[in-house]
Amino acid sequence: MSGSWKESKERTLGFPEDDPQVFALYLHWLYFSTIPVVVERVAKKKLPENSAREYNDLIKAYVLDANFQNSVIDAIIEQSTITNPDGERYYPGEDAVKHVYHNTTESATIRKLLVDMYVDTAVPNWLHEELPKEFLYSVAEGLMKKRVSSSSKYHVQPSSN
């Protein structure tokens, strides 16, 4: 807000392309050094749509400021540990993955987080051809690294007769 910029003279900053909800998360973090994570499991079930919206907001917030990214990662991890009354957990979905892969660099740690979440928890219907190929490749590679291979599962078992 200093210098000969128009914004410094007007004492305002405009963020026309940023979502107000996402910017509110950032502003909250600037003032309180925390990111609020919505927990809706007491009175009613946490609906998948609400969880998806929260993940999408967090992921959009991730790209706002490099100093903010670790807090966003922590909030995403915290969000993934919350269960609804039926014991279900919700994870970032297709829109969140697409946003990350279209708006971050290859070295962004949030990419590794999403890959690890899919490797550790995903079910087949989570995967879609619309997901970024780089993401799908990383998930496949992660599953291969995680797999414990044993040649004995291919051996013919002698019959007990």
N, C-alpha and C. Protein backbone atom coordinates (compact mmCIF):
# COMPACT_ATOMS: atom_id res chain seq x y z
N MET A 1 0.82 -1.20 0.00
CA MET A 1 0.00 0.00 0.00
C MET A 1 0.86 1.26 0.00
N SER A 2 2.14 1.10 -0.27
CA SER A 2 2.98 2.29 -0.34
C SER A 2 3.52 2.43 -1.77
N GLY A 3 3.97 3.61 -2.10
CA GLY A 3 4.50 3.85 -3.43
C GLY A 3 3.56 4.69 -4.26
N SER A 4 3.84 4.74 -5.53
CA SER A 4 3.03 5.60 -6.41
C SER A 4 1.92 4.82 -7.11
N TRP A 5 1.53 3.72 -6.58
CA TRP A 5 0.48 2.90 -7.17
C TRP A 5 -0.89 3.54 -6.95
N LYS A 6 -1.80 3.26 -7.82
CA LYS A 6 -3.18 3.74 -7.70
C LYS A 6 -3.79 3.24 -6.39
N GLU A 7 -3.52 1.97 -6.06
CA GLU A 7 -4.08 1.36 -4.85
C GLU A 7 -3.59 2.06 -3.58
N SER A 8 -2.32 2.50 -3.58
CA SER A 8 -1.80 3.17 -2.39
C SER A 8 -2.42 4.55 -2.22
N LYS A 9 -2.73 5.22 -3.30
CA LYS A 9 -3.38 6.53 -3.23
C LYS A 9 -4.83 6.40 -2.78
N GLU A 10 -5.51 5.36 -3.29
CA GLU A 10 -6.92 5.15 -2.94
C GLU A 10 -7.08 4.37 -1.64
N ARG A 11 -5.98 3.74 -1.17
CA ARG A 11 -5.97 2.91 0.04
C ARG A 11 -6.94 1.74 -0.08
N THR A 12 -7.04 1.16 -1.27
CA THR A 12 -7.89 0.00 -1.49
C THR A 12 -7.18 -1.00 -2.39
N LEU A 13 -7.53 -2.26 -2.23
CA LEU A 13 -7.05 -3.32 -3.10
C LEU A 13 -8.26 -4.04 -3.66
N GLY A 14 -8.23 -4.32 -4.94
CA GLY A 14 -9.32 -5.06 -5.56
C GLY A 14 -8.88 -6.46 -5.92
N PHE A 15 -9.74 -7.41 -5.67
CA PHE A 15 -9.49 -8.80 -6.02
C PHE A 15 -10.69 -9.32 -6.81
N PRO A 16 -10.92 -8.79 -8.02
CA PRO A 16 -12.15 -9.13 -8.75
C PRO A 16 -12.27 -10.60 -9.13
N GLU A 17 -11.14 -11.30 -9.29
CA GLU A 17 -11.23 -12.70 -9.71
C GLU A 17 -11.30 -13.67 -8.54
N ASP A 18 -11.16 -13.17 -7.32
CA ASP A 18 -11.16 -14.04 -6.16
C ASP A 18 -12.54 -14.12 -5.51
N ASP A 19 -12.89 -15.30 -5.09
CA ASP A 19 -14.15 -15.58 -4.43
C ASP A 19 -14.14 -14.95 -3.03
N PRO A 20 -15.20 -14.22 -2.66
CA PRO A 20 -15.23 -13.59 -1.33
C PRO A 20 -15.08 -14.59 -0.18
N GLN A 21 -15.65 -15.77 -0.31
CA GLN A 21 -15.54 -16.79 0.74
C GLN A 21 -14.09 -17.24 0.91
N VAL A 22 -13.41 -17.39 -0.20
CA VAL A 22 -12.00 -17.80 -0.17
C VAL A 22 -11.16 -16.69 0.44
N PHE A 23 -11.43 -15.47 0.04
CA PHE A 23 -10.68 -14.35 0.59
C PHE A 23 -10.96 -14.19 2.08
N ALA A 24 -12.18 -14.51 2.51
CA ALA A 24 -12.51 -14.45 3.95
C ALA A 24 -11.66 -15.43 4.74
N LEU A 25 -11.39 -16.61 4.19
CA LEU A 25 -10.49 -17.57 4.85
C LEU A 25 -9.10 -16.97 5.01
N TYR A 26 -8.64 -16.34 3.96
CA TYR A 26 -7.31 -15.72 3.98
C TYR A 26 -7.27 -14.58 5.00
N LEU A 27 -8.29 -13.76 5.00
CA LEU A 27 -8.34 -12.63 5.93
C LEU A 27 -8.37 -13.13 7.38
N HIS A 28 -9.16 -14.18 7.62
CA HIS A 28 -9.23 -14.77 8.96
C HIS A 28 -7.83 -15.23 9.38
N TRP A 29 -7.13 -15.88 8.48
CA TRP A 29 -5.78 -16.36 8.78
C TRP A 29 -4.83 -15.20 9.07
N LEU A 30 -4.94 -14.11 8.29
CA LEU A 30 -4.08 -12.95 8.52
C LEU A 30 -4.26 -12.38 9.93
N TYR A 31 -5.50 -12.34 10.40
CA TYR A 31 -5.78 -11.75 11.71
C TYR A 31 -5.57 -12.73 12.87
N PHE A 32 -5.90 -14.01 12.67
CA PHE A 32 -5.92 -14.96 13.78
C PHE A 32 -4.91 -16.11 13.65
N SER A 33 -4.21 -16.21 12.53
CA SER A 33 -3.24 -17.27 12.27
C SER A 33 -3.86 -18.66 12.31
N THR A 34 -5.14 -18.74 12.03
CA THR A 34 -5.84 -20.03 11.94
C THR A 34 -6.80 -19.98 10.75
N ILE A 35 -7.20 -21.14 10.30
CA ILE A 35 -8.22 -21.24 9.26
C ILE A 35 -9.40 -21.99 9.85
N PRO A 36 -10.59 -21.37 9.85
CA PRO A 36 -11.74 -22.08 10.41
C PRO A 36 -12.16 -23.24 9.51
N VAL A 37 -12.38 -24.39 10.13
CA VAL A 37 -12.87 -25.57 9.42
C VAL A 37 -14.27 -25.83 9.96
N VAL A 38 -15.23 -25.92 9.06
CA VAL A 38 -16.63 -26.09 9.45
C VAL A 38 -16.88 -27.53 9.85
N VAL A 39 -17.45 -27.71 11.03
CA VAL A 39 -17.80 -29.04 11.51
C VAL A 39 -19.31 -29.07 11.68
N GLU A 40 -19.98 -29.93 10.91
CA GLU A 40 -21.44 -30.01 10.96
C GLU A 40 -21.89 -31.41 11.36
N ARG A 41 -21.30 -31.97 12.38
CA ARG A 41 -21.66 -33.36 12.69
C ARG A 41 -22.50 -33.50 13.93
N VAL A 42 -22.78 -32.43 14.64
CA VAL A 42 -23.54 -32.54 15.87
C VAL A 42 -25.03 -32.64 15.59
N ALA A 43 -25.57 -31.65 14.92
CA ALA A 43 -27.02 -31.59 14.72
C ALA A 43 -27.48 -32.35 13.48
N LYS A 44 -26.64 -32.45 12.47
CA LYS A 44 -27.06 -33.12 11.24
C LYS A 44 -25.85 -33.72 10.56
N LYS A 45 -26.12 -34.53 9.57
CA LYS A 45 -25.02 -35.15 8.83
C LYS A 45 -24.25 -34.09 8.06
N LYS A 46 -22.97 -34.30 7.96
CA LYS A 46 -22.14 -33.43 7.11
C LYS A 46 -22.38 -33.91 5.69
N LEU A 47 -22.99 -33.08 4.90
CA LEU A 47 -23.34 -33.47 3.54
C LEU A 47 -22.13 -33.41 2.63
N PRO A 48 -22.04 -34.34 1.69
CA PRO A 48 -20.90 -34.33 0.76
C PRO A 48 -20.74 -33.00 0.02
N GLU A 49 -21.86 -32.34 -0.32
CA GLU A 49 -21.78 -31.07 -1.04
C GLU A 49 -21.11 -30.00 -0.19
N ASN A 50 -21.43 -29.98 1.11
CA ASN A 50 -20.82 -29.00 2.01
C ASN A 50 -19.33 -29.25 2.15
N SER A 51 -18.97 -30.51 2.26
CA SER A 51 -17.57 -30.87 2.38
C SER A 51 -16.82 -30.50 1.10
N ALA A 52 -17.41 -30.79 -0.05
CA ALA A 52 -16.78 -30.46 -1.33
C ALA A 52 -16.57 -28.95 -1.45
N ARG A 53 -17.57 -28.18 -1.05
CA ARG A 53 -17.46 -26.72 -1.11
C ARG A 53 -16.32 -26.23 -0.22
N GLU A 54 -16.23 -26.80 0.98
CA GLU A 54 -15.17 -26.39 1.89
C GLU A 54 -13.79 -26.75 1.35
N TYR A 55 -13.64 -27.96 0.82
CA TYR A 55 -12.36 -28.34 0.21
C TYR A 55 -12.02 -27.41 -0.96
N ASN A 56 -13.00 -27.13 -1.80
CA ASN A 56 -12.75 -26.26 -2.95
C ASN A 56 -12.32 -24.87 -2.51
N ASP A 57 -12.94 -24.34 -1.46
CA ASP A 57 -12.55 -23.03 -0.94
C ASP A 57 -11.12 -23.07 -0.40
N LEU A 58 -10.79 -24.12 0.34
CA LEU A 58 -9.44 -24.24 0.88
C LEU A 58 -8.40 -24.33 -0.24
N ILE A 59 -8.71 -25.09 -1.26
CA ILE A 59 -7.76 -25.27 -2.36
C ILE A 59 -7.60 -23.98 -3.16
N LYS A 60 -8.68 -23.25 -3.34
CA LYS A 60 -8.57 -21.95 -4.01
C LYS A 60 -7.76 -20.99 -3.15
N ALA A 61 -7.90 -21.09 -1.85
CA ALA A 61 -7.14 -20.22 -0.94
C ALA A 61 -5.66 -20.54 -0.98
N TYR A 62 -5.31 -21.79 -1.22
CA TYR A 62 -3.91 -22.22 -1.24
C TYR A 62 -3.07 -21.39 -2.20
N VAL A 63 -3.64 -21.01 -3.32
CA VAL A 63 -2.86 -20.30 -4.34
C VAL A 63 -2.76 -18.80 -4.08
N LEU A 64 -3.40 -18.28 -3.04
CA LEU A 64 -3.37 -16.84 -2.76
C LEU A 64 -2.01 -16.35 -2.28
N ASP A 65 -1.35 -17.11 -1.41
CA ASP A 65 -0.15 -16.60 -0.76
C ASP A 65 0.70 -17.78 -0.29
N ALA A 66 1.98 -17.78 -0.64
CA ALA A 66 2.88 -18.88 -0.26
C ALA A 66 3.00 -19.02 1.25
N ASN A 67 2.91 -17.93 1.99
CA ASN A 67 3.01 -17.99 3.46
C ASN A 67 1.78 -18.64 4.09
N PHE A 68 0.73 -18.74 3.35
CA PHE A 68 -0.56 -19.24 3.80
C PHE A 68 -0.70 -20.75 3.54
N GLN A 69 0.14 -21.29 2.69
CA GLN A 69 -0.05 -22.66 2.19
C GLN A 69 0.04 -23.73 3.25
N ASN A 70 0.95 -23.63 4.20
CA ASN A 70 1.04 -24.66 5.24
C ASN A 70 -0.23 -24.70 6.09
N SER A 71 -0.79 -23.54 6.36
CA SER A 71 -2.03 -23.50 7.13
C SER A 71 -3.18 -24.13 6.35
N VAL A 72 -3.21 -23.91 5.04
CA VAL A 72 -4.25 -24.53 4.20
C VAL A 72 -4.08 -26.05 4.20
N ILE A 73 -2.85 -26.51 4.07
CA ILE A 73 -2.58 -27.96 4.11
C ILE A 73 -3.08 -28.54 5.43
N ASP A 74 -2.77 -27.88 6.54
CA ASP A 74 -3.23 -28.35 7.85
C ASP A 74 -4.75 -28.41 7.92
N ALA A 75 -5.42 -27.40 7.37
CA ALA A 75 -6.89 -27.36 7.39
C ALA A 75 -7.48 -28.48 6.54
N ILE A 76 -6.87 -28.77 5.39
CA ILE A 76 -7.35 -29.87 4.53
C ILE A 76 -7.20 -31.20 5.26
N ILE A 77 -6.06 -31.39 5.90
CA ILE A 77 -5.84 -32.64 6.64
C ILE A 77 -6.84 -32.74 7.79
N GLU A 78 -7.05 -31.65 8.52
CA GLU A 78 -8.03 -31.66 9.61
C GLU A 78 -9.42 -31.98 9.09
N GLN A 79 -9.80 -31.36 7.98
CA GLN A 79 -11.11 -31.61 7.38
C GLN A 79 -11.27 -33.09 7.02
N SER A 80 -10.20 -33.73 6.56
CA SER A 80 -10.30 -35.13 6.14
C SER A 80 -10.43 -36.09 7.32
N THR A 81 -10.20 -35.63 8.54
CA THR A 81 -10.33 -36.50 9.72
C THR A 81 -11.71 -36.42 10.35
N ILE A 82 -12.52 -35.47 9.92
CA ILE A 82 -13.86 -35.30 10.50
C ILE A 82 -14.80 -36.35 9.93
N THR A 83 -15.52 -37.02 10.79
CA THR A 83 -16.49 -38.03 10.35
C THR A 83 -17.90 -37.54 10.63
N ASN A 84 -18.84 -37.99 9.80
CA ASN A 84 -20.24 -37.67 10.07
C ASN A 84 -20.78 -38.73 11.05
N PRO A 85 -22.04 -38.61 11.50
CA PRO A 85 -22.57 -39.57 12.48
C PRO A 85 -22.54 -41.04 12.01
N ASP A 86 -22.48 -41.24 10.70
CA ASP A 86 -22.41 -42.61 10.17
C ASP A 86 -20.98 -43.11 10.03
N GLY A 87 -20.01 -42.29 10.48
CA GLY A 87 -18.61 -42.69 10.41
C GLY A 87 -17.96 -42.43 9.07
N GLU A 88 -18.65 -41.73 8.17
CA GLU A 88 -18.09 -41.45 6.85
C GLU A 88 -17.19 -40.22 6.90
N ARG A 89 -16.17 -40.25 6.07
CA ARG A 89 -15.28 -39.10 5.89
C ARG A 89 -15.38 -38.66 4.44
N TYR A 90 -15.13 -37.39 4.22
CA TYR A 90 -15.15 -36.86 2.87
C TYR A 90 -13.77 -36.31 2.54
N TYR A 91 -13.41 -36.43 1.28
CA TYR A 91 -12.09 -36.03 0.81
C TYR A 91 -12.24 -35.10 -0.39
N PRO A 92 -11.17 -34.39 -0.75
CA PRO A 92 -11.26 -33.51 -1.92
C PRO A 92 -11.65 -34.30 -3.17
N GLY A 93 -12.52 -33.72 -3.95
CA GLY A 93 -13.03 -34.40 -5.14
C GLY A 93 -12.39 -33.91 -6.43
N GLU A 94 -13.04 -34.26 -7.50
CA GLU A 94 -12.53 -33.98 -8.85
C GLU A 94 -12.27 -32.49 -9.08
N ASP A 95 -13.21 -31.62 -8.68
CA ASP A 95 -13.02 -30.19 -8.90
C ASP A 95 -11.79 -29.67 -8.15
N ALA A 96 -11.60 -30.14 -6.94
CA ALA A 96 -10.45 -29.71 -6.14
C ALA A 96 -9.16 -30.16 -6.81
N VAL A 97 -9.11 -31.40 -7.25
CA VAL A 97 -7.90 -31.93 -7.91
C VAL A 97 -7.61 -31.13 -9.17
N LYS A 98 -8.63 -30.88 -9.98
CA LYS A 98 -8.43 -30.12 -11.21
C LYS A 98 -7.89 -28.73 -10.90
N HIS A 99 -8.47 -28.07 -9.92
CA HIS A 99 -8.02 -26.72 -9.58
C HIS A 99 -6.55 -26.71 -9.16
N VAL A 100 -6.17 -27.68 -8.35
CA VAL A 100 -4.77 -27.77 -7.91
C VAL A 100 -3.85 -27.97 -9.11
N TYR A 101 -4.18 -28.89 -9.98
CA TYR A 101 -3.29 -29.20 -11.09
C TYR A 101 -3.28 -28.13 -12.17
N HIS A 102 -4.31 -27.31 -12.24
CA HIS A 102 -4.33 -26.22 -13.22
C HIS A 102 -3.75 -24.92 -12.67
N ASN A 103 -3.56 -24.83 -11.35
CA ASN A 103 -3.15 -23.56 -10.74
C ASN A 103 -1.91 -23.64 -9.86
N THR A 104 -1.22 -24.77 -9.87
CA THR A 104 0.00 -24.90 -9.09
C THR A 104 1.10 -25.50 -9.96
N THR A 105 2.31 -25.38 -9.46
CA THR A 105 3.45 -25.95 -10.18
C THR A 105 3.60 -27.42 -9.81
N GLU A 106 4.40 -28.10 -10.59
CA GLU A 106 4.65 -29.52 -10.37
C GLU A 106 5.20 -29.80 -8.98
N SER A 107 5.93 -28.87 -8.41
CA SER A 107 6.55 -29.08 -7.10
C SER A 107 5.64 -28.72 -5.92
N ALA A 108 4.42 -28.28 -6.18
CA ALA A 108 3.52 -27.89 -5.09
C ALA A 108 3.20 -29.09 -4.21
N THR A 109 3.41 -28.93 -2.91
CA THR A 109 3.20 -30.04 -1.98
C THR A 109 1.73 -30.43 -1.86
N ILE A 110 0.83 -29.54 -2.20
CA ILE A 110 -0.59 -29.88 -2.14
C ILE A 110 -0.91 -30.99 -3.15
N ARG A 111 -0.16 -31.06 -4.23
CA ARG A 111 -0.35 -32.15 -5.20
C ARG A 111 -0.03 -33.48 -4.55
N LYS A 112 1.08 -33.54 -3.82
CA LYS A 112 1.46 -34.78 -3.14
C LYS A 112 0.41 -35.16 -2.11
N LEU A 113 -0.12 -34.17 -1.39
CA LEU A 113 -1.17 -34.44 -0.41
C LEU A 113 -2.37 -35.10 -1.08
N LEU A 114 -2.85 -34.53 -2.17
CA LEU A 114 -4.02 -35.10 -2.85
C LEU A 114 -3.73 -36.50 -3.39
N VAL A 115 -2.55 -36.69 -3.95
CA VAL A 115 -2.16 -38.02 -4.44
C VAL A 115 -2.16 -39.01 -3.28
N ASP A 116 -1.54 -38.64 -2.17
CA ASP A 116 -1.48 -39.53 -1.01
C ASP A 116 -2.88 -39.84 -0.47
N MET A 117 -3.77 -38.85 -0.46
CA MET A 117 -5.14 -39.11 0.00
C MET A 117 -5.83 -40.13 -0.90
N TYR A 118 -5.63 -40.01 -2.21
CA TYR A 118 -6.25 -40.96 -3.14
C TYR A 118 -5.61 -42.34 -3.00
N VAL A 119 -4.30 -42.39 -2.88
CA VAL A 119 -3.61 -43.68 -2.75
C VAL A 119 -4.09 -44.39 -1.48
N ASP A 120 -4.25 -43.65 -0.39
CA ASP A 120 -4.59 -44.26 0.89
C ASP A 120 -6.08 -44.53 1.08
N THR A 121 -6.96 -43.78 0.41
CA THR A 121 -8.39 -43.88 0.77
C THR A 121 -9.35 -44.03 -0.40
N ALA A 122 -8.92 -43.80 -1.61
CA ALA A 122 -9.85 -43.75 -2.74
C ALA A 122 -10.49 -45.10 -3.05
N VAL A 123 -11.66 -45.00 -3.61
CA VAL A 123 -12.36 -46.17 -4.15
C VAL A 123 -12.46 -45.95 -5.66
N PRO A 124 -12.67 -47.03 -6.43
CA PRO A 124 -12.61 -46.90 -7.89
C PRO A 124 -13.47 -45.79 -8.50
N ASN A 125 -14.65 -45.52 -7.95
CA ASN A 125 -15.51 -44.52 -8.59
C ASN A 125 -15.01 -43.08 -8.38
N TRP A 126 -13.94 -42.89 -7.61
CA TRP A 126 -13.33 -41.56 -7.48
C TRP A 126 -12.56 -41.17 -8.72
N LEU A 127 -12.10 -42.15 -9.49
CA LEU A 127 -11.26 -41.87 -10.64
C LEU A 127 -12.11 -41.63 -11.87
N HIS A 128 -11.78 -40.56 -12.58
CA HIS A 128 -12.49 -40.18 -13.80
C HIS A 128 -11.47 -39.80 -14.86
N GLU A 129 -11.83 -40.02 -16.11
CA GLU A 129 -10.94 -39.65 -17.21
C GLU A 129 -10.71 -38.14 -17.26
N GLU A 130 -11.61 -37.37 -16.65
CA GLU A 130 -11.49 -35.91 -16.68
C GLU A 130 -10.42 -35.40 -15.72
N LEU A 131 -9.97 -36.24 -14.81
CA LEU A 131 -8.91 -35.84 -13.89
C LEU A 131 -7.61 -35.63 -14.67
N PRO A 132 -6.77 -34.71 -14.23
CA PRO A 132 -5.51 -34.49 -14.94
C PRO A 132 -4.68 -35.77 -15.04
N LYS A 133 -4.15 -36.01 -16.23
CA LYS A 133 -3.37 -37.23 -16.47
C LYS A 133 -2.17 -37.32 -15.53
N GLU A 134 -1.55 -36.20 -15.25
CA GLU A 134 -0.41 -36.19 -14.33
C GLU A 134 -0.82 -36.68 -12.94
N PHE A 135 -2.02 -36.29 -12.51
CA PHE A 135 -2.54 -36.75 -11.22
C PHE A 135 -2.80 -38.25 -11.25
N LEU A 136 -3.47 -38.72 -12.29
CA LEU A 136 -3.78 -40.15 -12.40
C LEU A 136 -2.49 -40.98 -12.44
N TYR A 137 -1.49 -40.50 -13.17
CA TYR A 137 -0.21 -41.19 -13.22
C TYR A 137 0.42 -41.25 -11.83
N SER A 138 0.38 -40.14 -11.09
CA SER A 138 0.96 -40.11 -9.75
C SER A 138 0.23 -41.05 -8.80
N VAL A 139 -1.09 -41.15 -8.93
CA VAL A 139 -1.86 -42.07 -8.09
C VAL A 139 -1.47 -43.51 -8.42
N ALA A 140 -1.40 -43.83 -9.71
CA ALA A 140 -0.99 -45.19 -10.12
C ALA A 140 0.40 -45.51 -9.60
N GLU A 141 1.32 -44.57 -9.73
CA GLU A 141 2.68 -44.77 -9.24
C GLU A 141 2.69 -44.97 -7.72
N GLY A 142 1.89 -44.18 -7.00
CA GLY A 142 1.80 -44.31 -5.55
C GLY A 142 1.26 -45.67 -5.13
N LEU A 143 0.26 -46.16 -5.86
CA LEU A 143 -0.29 -47.48 -5.56
C LEU A 143 0.74 -48.57 -5.81
N MET A 144 1.51 -48.43 -6.86
CA MET A 144 2.54 -49.43 -7.16
C MET A 144 3.62 -49.44 -6.08
N LYS A 145 4.01 -48.27 -5.60
CA LYS A 145 5.03 -48.19 -4.56
C LYS A 145 4.51 -48.75 -3.24
N LYS A 146 3.23 -48.61 -3.00
CA LYS A 146 2.63 -49.06 -1.75
C LYS A 146 2.43 -50.57 -1.72
N ARG A 147 2.25 -51.13 -2.88
CA ARG A 147 1.93 -52.55 -3.00
C ARG A 147 3.08 -53.42 -2.52
N VAL A 148 2.74 -54.43 -1.78
CA VAL A 148 3.74 -55.42 -1.37
C VAL A 148 3.57 -56.61 -2.30
N SER A 149 4.62 -56.91 -3.02
CA SER A 149 4.53 -57.98 -4.00
C SER A 149 5.16 -59.25 -3.47
N SER A 150 4.51 -60.33 -3.75
CA SER A 150 5.03 -61.63 -3.36
C SER A 150 4.78 -62.60 -4.51
N SER A 151 5.82 -63.26 -4.94
CA SER A 151 5.66 -64.20 -6.05
C SER A 151 4.88 -65.44 -5.62
N SER A 152 4.81 -65.70 -4.30
CA SER A 152 4.13 -66.92 -3.85
C SER A 152 2.64 -66.90 -4.15
N LYS A 153 2.05 -65.74 -4.34
CA LYS A 153 0.62 -65.72 -4.63
C LYS A 153 0.33 -66.24 -6.04
N TYR A 154 1.37 -66.41 -6.85
CA TYR A 154 1.19 -66.94 -8.20
C TYR A 154 1.56 -68.42 -8.30
N HIS A 155 2.09 -68.99 -7.23
CA HIS A 155 2.49 -70.39 -7.26
C HIS A 155 1.28 -71.30 -7.24
N VAL A 156 1.42 -72.40 -7.90
CA VAL A 156 0.37 -73.42 -7.92
C VAL A 156 0.42 -74.14 -6.57
N GLN A 157 -0.74 -74.25 -5.94
CA GLN A 157 -0.83 -74.92 -4.66
C GLN A 157 -1.07 -76.41 -4.89
N PRO A 158 -0.22 -77.26 -4.30
CA PRO A 158 -0.42 -78.71 -4.48
C PRO A 158 -1.75 -79.14 -3.86
N SER A 159 -2.37 -80.10 -4.52
CA SER A 159 -3.67 -80.56 -4.01
C SER A 159 -3.41 -81.47 -2.80
N SER A 160 -4.35 -81.50 -1.91
CA SER A 160 -4.17 -82.28 -0.68
C SER A 160 -4.57 -83.74 -0.87
N ASN A 161 -4.85 -84.19 -2.09
CA ASN A 161 -5.27 -85.58 -2.32
C ASN A 161 -4.10 -86.51 -2.34
